[in-house]
N, C-alpha and C. Protein backbone atom coordinates (compact mmCIF):
# COMPACT_ATOMS: atom_id res chain seq x y z
N UNK A 1 0.66 -1.22 0.03
CA UNK A 1 0.07 0.02 0.05
C UNK A 1 0.74 1.26 -0.03
N UNK A 2 0.63 2.27 -0.92
CA UNK A 2 1.43 3.21 -1.01
C UNK A 2 0.81 4.49 -0.32
N UNK A 3 1.45 5.34 0.36
CA UNK A 3 0.91 6.52 0.80
C UNK A 3 1.42 7.81 0.26
N UNK A 4 0.64 8.88 0.41
CA UNK A 4 1.25 10.06 -0.38
C UNK A 4 2.48 10.64 0.47
N UNK A 5 3.11 11.53 -0.28
CA UNK A 5 4.30 12.13 0.10
C UNK A 5 4.13 12.74 1.58
N UNK A 6 3.13 13.67 1.51
CA UNK A 6 2.70 14.38 2.71
C UNK A 6 2.74 13.48 4.02
N UNK A 7 2.18 12.41 3.77
CA UNK A 7 2.08 11.41 5.06
C UNK A 7 3.40 10.83 5.29
N UNK A 8 4.14 10.50 4.37
CA UNK A 8 5.43 10.06 4.73
C UNK A 8 6.32 11.12 5.37
N UNK A 9 6.32 12.47 4.83
CA UNK A 9 6.90 13.44 5.47
C UNK A 9 6.69 13.74 6.91
N UNK A 10 5.24 13.51 7.10
CA UNK A 10 4.73 13.80 8.54
C UNK A 10 5.23 12.52 9.48
N UNK A 11 5.37 11.46 8.90
CA UNK A 11 5.92 10.28 9.76
C UNK A 11 7.35 10.59 10.12
N UNK A 12 8.04 11.00 9.11
CA UNK A 12 9.43 11.20 9.30
C UNK A 12 9.66 12.30 10.43
N UNK A 13 8.93 13.43 10.22
CA UNK A 13 9.00 14.39 11.12
C UNK A 13 8.77 14.10 12.54
N UNK A 14 7.62 13.17 12.55
CA UNK A 14 7.18 12.63 13.99
C UNK A 14 8.33 11.73 14.48
N UNK A 15 8.96 11.08 13.85
CA UNK A 15 10.24 10.04 14.41
C UNK A 15 11.23 11.10 14.69
N UNK A 16 11.58 12.22 14.00
CA UNK A 16 12.46 12.86 14.39
C UNK A 16 12.36 13.74 15.67
N UNK A 17 11.03 14.28 15.93
CA UNK A 17 10.56 14.95 16.97
C UNK A 17 10.74 14.16 18.23
N UNK A 18 10.24 12.89 18.12
CA UNK A 18 10.17 11.95 19.24
C UNK A 18 11.81 11.62 19.74
N UNK A 19 12.50 11.20 18.63
CA UNK A 19 13.88 10.71 18.73
C UNK A 19 14.90 12.03 19.28
N UNK A 20 14.70 13.23 18.84
CA UNK A 20 15.35 14.29 19.39
C UNK A 20 15.22 14.53 20.88
N UNK A 21 13.95 14.56 21.20
CA UNK A 21 13.55 14.65 22.69
C UNK A 21 14.14 13.42 23.39
N UNK A 22 13.84 12.31 22.94
CA UNK A 22 14.36 11.09 23.78
C UNK A 22 15.82 11.09 23.85
N UNK A 23 16.56 11.40 22.80
CA UNK A 23 18.13 11.44 22.90
C UNK A 23 18.53 12.47 23.93
N UNK A 24 17.88 13.53 24.04
CA UNK A 24 18.16 14.69 24.87
C UNK A 24 17.98 14.34 26.15
N UNK A 25 16.74 13.62 26.49
CA UNK A 25 16.40 13.43 27.88
C UNK A 25 17.11 12.12 28.49
N UNK A 26 17.21 11.00 27.58
CA UNK A 26 17.41 9.70 27.98
C UNK A 26 18.96 9.37 27.47
N UNK A 27 19.49 10.04 26.61
CA UNK A 27 20.66 9.67 26.08
C UNK A 27 20.65 8.80 24.71
N UNK A 28 21.58 9.01 23.78
CA UNK A 28 21.54 8.13 22.54
C UNK A 28 21.45 6.63 22.65
N UNK A 29 22.40 6.15 23.52
CA UNK A 29 22.60 4.77 23.67
C UNK A 29 21.32 4.11 24.50
N UNK A 30 20.77 4.85 25.29
CA UNK A 30 19.59 4.36 26.14
C UNK A 30 18.29 4.52 25.24
N UNK A 31 18.24 5.03 24.14
CA UNK A 31 17.19 5.26 23.53
C UNK A 31 16.96 4.15 22.29
N UNK A 32 16.27 3.25 22.47
CA UNK A 32 16.18 2.28 21.51
C UNK A 32 14.98 2.61 20.50
N UNK A 33 15.19 2.09 19.11
CA UNK A 33 14.32 2.28 18.04
C UNK A 33 12.86 1.94 18.38
N UNK A 34 12.80 0.86 18.96
CA UNK A 34 11.30 0.37 19.41
C UNK A 34 10.60 1.16 20.06
N UNK A 35 11.22 2.02 21.32
CA UNK A 35 10.34 2.76 22.02
C UNK A 35 10.33 4.18 21.25
N UNK A 36 11.24 4.38 20.41
CA UNK A 36 10.97 5.79 19.52
C UNK A 36 9.84 5.58 18.80
N UNK A 37 9.86 4.41 17.85
CA UNK A 37 8.79 4.23 17.15
C UNK A 37 7.52 4.18 17.89
N UNK A 38 7.36 3.42 18.84
CA UNK A 38 6.06 3.23 19.59
C UNK A 38 5.73 4.80 20.05
N UNK A 39 6.53 5.53 20.52
CA UNK A 39 6.24 6.92 20.99
C UNK A 39 5.83 7.65 19.81
N UNK A 40 6.18 7.45 18.69
CA UNK A 40 5.94 8.28 17.53
C UNK A 40 4.42 7.69 16.96
N UNK A 41 4.08 6.61 17.59
CA UNK A 41 2.82 5.83 17.03
C UNK A 41 3.01 5.04 15.79
N UNK A 42 4.17 4.78 15.66
CA UNK A 42 4.43 3.80 14.24
C UNK A 42 5.05 2.60 14.46
N UNK A 43 4.83 1.69 13.71
CA UNK A 43 5.59 0.40 13.87
C UNK A 43 7.14 0.35 13.51
N UNK A 44 7.67 -0.75 14.28
CA UNK A 44 9.29 -0.74 13.97
C UNK A 44 9.48 -0.99 12.56
N UNK A 45 8.80 -1.58 11.90
CA UNK A 45 9.07 -1.54 10.29
C UNK A 45 8.92 -0.30 9.57
N UNK A 46 8.23 0.60 10.09
CA UNK A 46 8.19 2.03 9.47
C UNK A 46 9.29 2.98 9.70
N UNK A 47 10.39 2.32 10.32
CA UNK A 47 11.53 3.18 10.63
C UNK A 47 12.34 3.24 9.28
N UNK A 48 12.58 2.16 8.74
CA UNK A 48 13.77 1.97 7.68
C UNK A 48 13.51 2.76 6.41
N UNK A 49 12.01 2.84 6.07
CA UNK A 49 11.83 3.80 4.71
C UNK A 49 12.28 5.26 5.02
N UNK A 50 12.58 5.56 6.24
CA UNK A 50 12.91 7.09 6.51
C UNK A 50 14.21 7.26 6.80
N UNK A 51 14.76 6.12 7.41
CA UNK A 51 16.37 6.35 8.07
C UNK A 51 16.99 4.98 7.65
N UNK A 52 18.25 4.95 7.19
CA UNK A 52 18.95 3.66 6.91
C UNK A 52 19.46 2.92 8.15
N UNK A 53 19.44 3.89 9.27
CA UNK A 53 20.16 3.31 10.60
C UNK A 53 19.85 4.33 11.56
N UNK A 54 20.08 3.68 12.89
CA UNK A 54 19.91 4.73 13.92
C UNK A 54 21.03 5.82 13.82
N UNK A 55 22.20 5.55 13.37
CA UNK A 55 23.16 6.60 13.28
C UNK A 55 22.77 7.56 12.33
N UNK A 56 22.20 7.33 11.24
CA UNK A 56 21.53 8.36 10.31
C UNK A 56 20.53 9.31 11.15
N UNK A 57 19.77 8.58 11.94
CA UNK A 57 18.82 9.25 12.72
C UNK A 57 19.45 10.10 13.85
N UNK A 58 20.41 9.74 14.35
CA UNK A 58 21.10 10.52 15.28
C UNK A 58 21.77 11.62 14.74
N UNK A 59 22.40 11.57 13.64
CA UNK A 59 22.94 12.57 12.89
C UNK A 59 21.89 13.83 12.51
N UNK A 60 20.88 13.44 11.97
CA UNK A 60 19.79 14.23 11.35
C UNK A 60 19.20 14.96 12.70
N UNK A 61 18.88 14.33 13.96
CA UNK A 61 18.58 14.83 15.15
C UNK A 61 19.48 15.85 15.70
N UNK A 62 20.77 15.71 15.58
CA UNK A 62 21.70 16.52 16.17
C UNK A 62 21.73 17.81 15.46
N UNK A 63 21.56 17.55 14.01
CA UNK A 63 21.79 18.69 13.03
C UNK A 63 20.48 19.67 13.27
N UNK A 64 19.19 18.89 13.51
CA UNK A 64 18.08 19.82 13.58
C UNK A 64 18.22 20.48 15.03
N UNK A 65 18.49 19.78 16.06
CA UNK A 65 18.60 20.38 17.40
C UNK A 65 19.47 21.64 17.24
N UNK A 66 20.66 21.53 16.70
CA UNK A 66 21.66 22.66 16.46
C UNK A 66 21.00 23.67 15.84
N UNK A 67 20.50 23.40 14.65
CA UNK A 67 19.70 24.39 13.75
C UNK A 67 18.66 25.26 14.56
N UNK A 68 17.86 24.49 15.44
CA UNK A 68 16.96 25.22 16.41
C UNK A 68 17.49 25.90 17.10
N UNK A 69 18.73 25.62 17.92
CA UNK A 69 19.27 26.38 18.86
C UNK A 69 19.89 27.60 18.32
N UNK A 70 20.56 27.57 17.09
CA UNK A 70 20.76 28.78 16.29
C UNK A 70 19.74 29.79 16.12
N UNK A 71 18.64 29.37 15.73
CA UNK A 71 17.51 30.16 15.71
C UNK A 71 16.96 30.92 17.03
N UNK A 72 17.16 30.02 18.18
CA UNK A 72 16.85 30.74 19.43
C UNK A 72 17.90 31.64 19.94
N UNK A 73 19.26 31.37 19.57
CA UNK A 73 20.30 32.42 19.94
C UNK A 73 20.10 33.63 19.18
N UNK A 74 19.81 33.42 17.91
CA UNK A 74 19.51 34.55 16.94
C UNK A 74 18.42 35.45 17.66
N UNK A 75 17.45 34.81 17.93
CA UNK A 75 16.17 35.46 18.49
C UNK A 75 16.59 36.21 19.91
N UNK A 76 17.25 35.43 20.78
CA UNK A 76 17.57 36.13 21.98
C UNK A 76 18.55 37.32 21.80
N UNK A 77 19.40 37.05 20.84
CA UNK A 77 20.50 38.24 20.52
C UNK A 77 19.79 39.53 20.18
N UNK A 78 18.75 39.16 19.18
CA UNK A 78 18.10 40.14 18.53
C UNK A 78 17.06 41.01 19.63
N UNK A 79 16.46 40.31 20.48
CA UNK A 79 15.50 40.94 21.51
C UNK A 79 16.40 41.40 22.60
N UNK A 80 17.45 40.83 23.00
CA UNK A 80 18.04 41.42 24.35
C UNK A 80 19.51 41.36 24.39
N UNK A 81 20.12 40.90 23.31
CA UNK A 81 21.66 40.82 23.33
C UNK A 81 22.13 39.61 23.90
N UNK A 82 23.47 39.73 24.19
CA UNK A 82 24.16 38.44 24.58
C UNK A 82 23.78 38.07 26.13
N UNK A 83 23.64 39.14 26.88
CA UNK A 83 23.37 38.89 28.39
C UNK A 83 22.07 38.04 28.41
N UNK A 84 21.09 38.50 27.69
CA UNK A 84 19.74 37.71 27.71
C UNK A 84 19.86 36.29 27.08
N UNK A 85 20.54 36.15 26.28
CA UNK A 85 20.79 34.67 25.62
C UNK A 85 21.48 33.92 26.65
N UNK A 86 22.50 34.34 27.36
CA UNK A 86 23.06 33.65 28.46
C UNK A 86 22.26 33.39 29.63
N UNK A 87 21.53 34.37 30.13
CA UNK A 87 20.50 34.12 31.04
C UNK A 87 19.52 33.13 30.78
N UNK A 88 19.00 33.07 29.58
CA UNK A 88 18.13 32.16 29.03
C UNK A 88 18.59 30.86 29.22
N UNK A 89 19.94 30.73 28.73
CA UNK A 89 20.67 29.32 28.79
C UNK A 89 20.78 28.89 30.10
N UNK A 90 21.13 29.69 30.95
CA UNK A 90 21.55 29.14 32.44
C UNK A 90 20.08 29.43 33.18
N UNK A 91 19.04 29.33 32.76
CA UNK A 91 17.79 29.45 33.46
C UNK A 91 17.45 28.24 34.22
N UNK A 92 16.65 28.12 35.17
CA UNK A 92 16.11 27.09 35.78
C UNK A 92 15.15 26.22 34.89
N UNK A 93 14.43 27.02 33.91
CA UNK A 93 13.66 26.31 33.02
C UNK A 93 14.21 25.37 31.99
N UNK A 94 15.52 26.09 31.63
CA UNK A 94 16.33 25.43 30.55
C UNK A 94 16.88 24.07 31.39
N UNK A 95 17.40 24.29 32.58
CA UNK A 95 18.06 23.13 33.29
C UNK A 95 17.07 22.02 33.64
N UNK A 96 15.82 22.37 33.94
CA UNK A 96 14.58 21.36 34.32
C UNK A 96 14.18 20.73 32.98
N UNK A 97 14.48 21.06 31.81
CA UNK A 97 13.85 20.49 30.61
C UNK A 97 14.96 20.03 29.63
N UNK A 98 15.68 19.22 29.97
CA UNK A 98 16.64 18.70 29.00
C UNK A 98 16.18 18.13 27.79
N UNK A 99 14.94 17.54 27.71
CA UNK A 99 14.43 16.97 26.59
C UNK A 99 14.28 17.99 25.42
N UNK A 100 14.00 19.36 25.57
CA UNK A 100 13.71 20.29 24.66
C UNK A 100 15.03 21.18 24.76
N UNK A 101 16.02 21.06 25.66
CA UNK A 101 17.13 22.06 25.77
C UNK A 101 18.22 21.71 24.90
N UNK A 102 19.30 22.18 25.26
CA UNK A 102 20.58 22.21 24.41
C UNK A 102 21.13 21.02 24.09
N UNK A 103 21.22 20.51 22.99
CA UNK A 103 21.77 19.21 22.73
C UNK A 103 23.17 18.94 23.01
N UNK A 104 24.01 19.96 22.92
CA UNK A 104 25.27 19.73 23.56
C UNK A 104 25.34 19.44 24.84
N UNK A 105 24.55 20.20 25.75
CA UNK A 105 24.75 19.93 27.13
C UNK A 105 24.35 18.47 27.56
N UNK A 106 23.27 17.95 26.73
CA UNK A 106 22.69 16.76 26.96
C UNK A 106 23.47 15.64 26.30
N UNK A 107 24.26 15.94 25.01
CA UNK A 107 24.74 14.75 24.47
C UNK A 107 26.27 14.65 23.98
N UNK A 108 27.02 15.68 24.65
CA UNK A 108 28.46 15.76 24.16
C UNK A 108 29.31 14.58 24.30
N UNK A 109 29.11 13.96 25.54
CA UNK A 109 30.07 12.68 25.60
C UNK A 109 29.62 11.58 24.57
N UNK A 110 28.35 11.52 24.39
CA UNK A 110 27.93 10.46 23.09
C UNK A 110 28.13 10.98 21.81
N UNK A 111 28.03 12.22 21.63
CA UNK A 111 28.42 12.69 20.28
C UNK A 111 29.99 12.48 20.08
N UNK A 112 30.78 12.59 20.94
CA UNK A 112 32.21 12.26 20.78
C UNK A 112 32.44 10.87 20.55
N UNK A 113 31.56 9.95 20.73
CA UNK A 113 31.63 8.56 20.36
C UNK A 113 31.05 8.27 19.07
N UNK A 114 30.48 9.27 18.41
CA UNK A 114 29.81 8.88 17.02
C UNK A 114 30.77 8.70 16.00
N UNK A 115 30.17 8.23 14.75
CA UNK A 115 31.07 8.16 13.74
C UNK A 115 31.53 9.69 13.27
N UNK A 116 32.68 9.53 12.51
CA UNK A 116 33.30 10.94 11.92
C UNK A 116 32.36 11.75 11.16
N UNK A 117 31.53 11.09 10.57
CA UNK A 117 30.46 11.92 9.70
C UNK A 117 29.49 12.70 10.64
N UNK A 118 29.22 12.24 11.72
CA UNK A 118 28.28 12.79 12.87
C UNK A 118 29.19 13.90 13.44
N UNK A 119 30.30 13.61 13.87
CA UNK A 119 31.18 14.52 14.56
C UNK A 119 31.52 15.75 13.59
N UNK A 120 31.71 15.36 12.36
CA UNK A 120 32.11 16.68 11.54
C UNK A 120 30.81 17.71 11.48
N UNK A 121 29.55 16.99 11.14
CA UNK A 121 28.33 17.71 11.20
C UNK A 121 28.24 18.67 12.44
N UNK A 122 28.40 17.86 13.47
CA UNK A 122 28.31 18.72 14.85
C UNK A 122 29.32 19.80 14.82
N UNK A 123 30.57 19.64 14.27
CA UNK A 123 31.58 20.70 14.33
C UNK A 123 31.05 21.91 13.30
N UNK A 124 30.40 21.47 12.39
CA UNK A 124 30.06 22.50 11.37
C UNK A 124 28.93 23.40 12.05
N UNK A 125 27.99 22.66 12.73
CA UNK A 125 27.04 23.46 13.25
C UNK A 125 27.36 24.13 14.50
N UNK A 126 28.18 23.64 15.30
CA UNK A 126 28.82 24.26 16.44
C UNK A 126 29.56 25.61 15.88
N UNK A 127 30.15 25.69 14.93
CA UNK A 127 30.93 26.83 14.44
C UNK A 127 29.99 27.97 14.05
N UNK A 128 28.66 27.51 13.63
CA UNK A 128 27.66 28.57 13.31
C UNK A 128 27.31 29.16 14.36
N UNK A 129 26.97 28.57 15.75
CA UNK A 129 26.71 29.01 16.92
C UNK A 129 27.85 29.98 17.46
N UNK A 130 29.01 29.36 17.45
CA UNK A 130 30.23 30.13 17.90
C UNK A 130 30.30 31.44 16.99
N UNK A 131 30.17 31.53 15.79
CA UNK A 131 30.08 32.64 15.02
C UNK A 131 28.96 33.76 15.55
N UNK A 132 27.75 33.02 15.77
CA UNK A 132 26.74 34.12 16.16
C UNK A 132 27.17 34.76 17.33
N UNK A 133 27.55 34.07 18.43
CA UNK A 133 28.04 34.77 19.60
C UNK A 133 29.18 35.42 19.40
N UNK A 134 30.31 35.20 18.67
CA UNK A 134 31.37 36.10 18.47
C UNK A 134 31.04 37.46 17.83
N UNK A 135 29.92 37.36 16.91
CA UNK A 135 29.64 38.53 16.38
C UNK A 135 28.82 39.53 17.43
N UNK A 136 28.30 38.95 18.47
CA UNK A 136 27.56 39.77 19.43
C UNK A 136 28.54 40.31 20.50
N UNK A 137 29.80 40.00 20.37
CA UNK A 137 30.62 40.42 21.48
C UNK A 137 30.99 42.03 21.31
N UNK A 138 31.41 42.65 22.39
CA UNK A 138 31.91 44.05 22.08
C UNK A 138 32.94 44.15 21.00
N UNK A 139 32.72 45.19 20.23
CA UNK A 139 33.81 45.37 19.10
C UNK A 139 35.03 45.20 19.53
N UNK A 140 35.56 45.64 20.63
CA UNK A 140 36.94 45.67 21.07
C UNK A 140 37.38 44.29 21.70
N UNK A 141 36.74 43.31 21.38
CA UNK A 141 37.36 41.98 21.85
C UNK A 141 38.36 41.40 21.00
N UNK A 142 39.29 41.09 21.74
CA UNK A 142 40.69 40.68 20.84
C UNK A 142 40.62 39.47 20.14
N UNK A 143 39.89 38.38 20.69
CA UNK A 143 39.95 37.15 19.90
C UNK A 143 38.23 36.38 20.05
N UNK A 144 37.39 37.29 19.21
CA UNK A 144 35.96 36.79 19.45
C UNK A 144 35.75 35.36 19.34
N UNK A 145 36.23 34.66 18.50
CA UNK A 145 35.97 33.25 18.45
C UNK A 145 36.59 32.61 19.63
N UNK A 146 37.72 32.80 20.05
CA UNK A 146 38.07 32.19 21.39
C UNK A 146 37.33 32.61 22.51
N UNK A 147 36.77 33.88 22.78
CA UNK A 147 35.98 34.10 23.82
C UNK A 147 34.69 33.37 23.71
N UNK A 148 34.06 33.32 22.51
CA UNK A 148 32.95 32.57 22.25
C UNK A 148 32.99 31.00 22.59
N UNK A 149 34.18 30.42 22.33
CA UNK A 149 34.52 28.94 22.74
C UNK A 149 34.47 28.97 24.12
N UNK A 150 35.02 29.90 24.75
CA UNK A 150 34.94 29.91 26.22
C UNK A 150 33.76 30.15 26.96
N UNK A 151 32.97 31.00 26.42
CA UNK A 151 31.45 31.16 26.80
C UNK A 151 30.84 29.82 26.62
N UNK A 152 30.82 29.11 25.60
CA UNK A 152 30.15 28.00 25.28
C UNK A 152 30.62 26.97 26.34
N UNK A 153 31.84 26.80 26.57
CA UNK A 153 32.20 25.85 27.49
C UNK A 153 31.80 26.02 28.79
N UNK A 154 31.93 27.21 29.17
CA UNK A 154 31.50 27.64 30.53
C UNK A 154 29.93 27.52 30.71
N UNK A 155 29.03 27.82 29.83
CA UNK A 155 27.55 27.75 29.93
C UNK A 155 27.17 26.27 29.84
N UNK A 156 27.86 25.43 28.80
CA UNK A 156 27.46 23.94 28.70
C UNK A 156 27.78 23.36 29.87
N UNK A 157 29.14 23.61 30.48
CA UNK A 157 29.58 22.96 31.66
C UNK A 157 28.57 23.30 33.00
N UNK A 158 28.36 24.50 32.96
CA UNK A 158 27.59 24.91 34.02
C UNK A 158 26.13 24.19 34.27
N UNK A 159 25.50 24.19 33.11
CA UNK A 159 24.21 23.54 32.95
C UNK A 159 24.29 22.13 33.21
N UNK A 160 25.43 21.51 32.77
CA UNK A 160 25.54 20.09 33.11
C UNK A 160 25.82 19.86 34.60
N UNK A 161 26.57 20.51 35.07
CA UNK A 161 26.67 20.46 36.66
C UNK A 161 25.38 20.73 37.24
N UNK A 162 24.79 21.82 37.02
CA UNK A 162 23.57 22.30 37.64
C UNK A 162 22.37 20.99 37.47
N UNK A 163 22.62 20.46 36.40
CA UNK A 163 21.64 19.07 36.23
C UNK A 163 21.97 18.01 37.02
N UNK A 164 23.33 17.82 37.25
CA UNK A 164 23.94 16.58 37.81
C UNK A 164 23.83 16.48 39.34
N UNK A 165 23.76 17.82 40.05
CA UNK A 165 23.69 18.00 41.52
C UNK A 165 22.23 17.77 42.24
N UNK A 166 22.19 17.28 43.31
CA UNK A 166 21.16 17.12 44.15
C UNK A 166 20.82 18.28 44.94
N UNK A 167 19.52 18.75 44.72
CA UNK A 167 19.00 20.05 45.51
C UNK A 167 18.93 21.29 44.62
N UNK A 168 17.78 21.90 44.71
CA UNK A 168 17.89 23.09 43.81
C UNK A 168 18.61 24.37 44.27
N UNK A 169 18.73 24.46 45.57
CA UNK A 169 19.79 25.56 46.08
C UNK A 169 21.17 25.63 45.47
N UNK A 170 21.74 24.40 45.37
CA UNK A 170 23.14 24.25 44.96
C UNK A 170 23.12 24.40 43.40
N UNK A 171 22.02 23.76 42.94
CA UNK A 171 21.94 23.83 41.42
C UNK A 171 21.75 25.32 41.07
N UNK A 172 21.03 26.07 41.55
CA UNK A 172 20.82 27.51 41.38
C UNK A 172 22.15 28.19 41.50
N UNK A 173 22.89 27.92 42.44
CA UNK A 173 24.25 28.52 42.83
C UNK A 173 25.11 28.19 41.70
N UNK A 174 25.08 27.04 41.20
CA UNK A 174 26.00 26.65 39.95
C UNK A 174 25.60 27.52 38.76
N UNK A 175 24.31 27.45 38.28
CA UNK A 175 23.83 28.53 37.20
C UNK A 175 24.34 29.82 37.29
N UNK A 176 24.08 30.52 38.46
CA UNK A 176 24.52 31.89 38.78
C UNK A 176 26.02 31.96 38.78
N UNK A 177 26.87 30.94 39.17
CA UNK A 177 28.32 30.91 39.14
C UNK A 177 28.64 30.96 37.51
N UNK A 178 28.00 30.13 36.86
CA UNK A 178 28.37 30.15 35.38
C UNK A 178 27.93 31.30 34.59
N UNK A 179 27.04 32.01 34.99
CA UNK A 179 26.65 33.11 34.26
C UNK A 179 27.70 34.23 34.75
N UNK A 180 28.22 34.40 35.97
CA UNK A 180 29.24 35.33 36.29
C UNK A 180 30.51 34.79 35.58
N UNK A 181 30.91 33.75 35.64
CA UNK A 181 32.12 33.28 34.87
C UNK A 181 32.09 33.80 33.33
N UNK A 182 30.88 33.34 32.60
CA UNK A 182 30.77 33.83 31.45
C UNK A 182 30.71 35.33 31.14
N UNK A 183 30.35 35.81 32.01
CA UNK A 183 30.33 37.54 31.79
C UNK A 183 31.84 38.01 31.90
N UNK A 184 32.38 37.42 32.93
CA UNK A 184 34.00 37.70 33.06
C UNK A 184 34.78 37.42 31.94
N UNK A 185 34.49 36.42 31.25
CA UNK A 185 35.20 35.89 29.84
C UNK A 185 35.06 37.07 28.90
N UNK A 186 33.82 37.66 29.00
CA UNK A 186 33.58 38.70 27.94
C UNK A 186 34.57 40.04 28.39
N UNK A 187 34.42 40.32 29.56
CA UNK A 187 35.26 41.50 30.08
C UNK A 187 36.74 41.03 29.94
N UNK A 188 37.33 39.89 30.19
CA UNK A 188 38.62 39.78 30.03
C UNK A 188 39.05 39.76 28.56
N UNK A 189 38.06 39.39 27.55
CA UNK A 189 38.49 39.36 26.19
C UNK A 189 38.60 40.75 25.62
N UNK A 190 38.25 41.78 26.28
CA UNK A 190 38.26 42.98 25.63
C UNK A 190 39.77 43.50 25.65
N UNK A 191 40.32 44.29 24.50
CA UNK A 191 41.53 44.83 24.52
C UNK A 191 41.68 45.93 25.38
N UNK A 192 42.88 45.89 25.82
CA UNK A 192 43.17 47.14 26.69
C UNK A 192 43.39 48.33 25.74
N UNK A 193 42.84 49.54 26.25
CA UNK A 193 42.93 50.72 25.51
C UNK A 193 44.37 51.08 25.29
N UNK A 194 44.48 51.55 23.96
CA UNK A 194 45.88 52.08 23.52
C UNK A 194 46.28 53.21 24.46
N UNK A 195 47.50 53.42 24.94
CA UNK A 195 47.88 54.25 25.92
C UNK A 195 49.04 54.89 25.60
């Protein structure tokens, strides 16, 4: 039985939506295809007309997640600048919702174990995010990409720590410390005035 293209596209989109959330909340290795397909309301056999393998699904989900994050960063930068973007990233709401949050904070150790093609795609998408942030830094920043890398490393690490510890008070302190550290990187990255 043949289905129209729109239905196939809808099914593919549903698989990606479920898988992206599941990967971020439970991890790639812990997310089986059977449970992804069940949550998508599809049979296991319906997977392979859409993706040749779980690896291909992971690659596409990571790409889509980082693309979405790029749009969120652009929106935050446009509406409130870098400070607003950093505050949104290190918010309790983001911390408490890993399934819809930053793919890097949720998946970096597993992405590092993926095949070269997936890691290359991650690298390309990460560089788009880094360039967005570096363009938003003060114009007198001496190494904008370097500072942007430091900001990402600080924000991602702070979010991971805040998610890992027990207790909201300590977790909130970690988020605040991460935000302070990221702000200090921005200040330290500025060139000294010519004298």
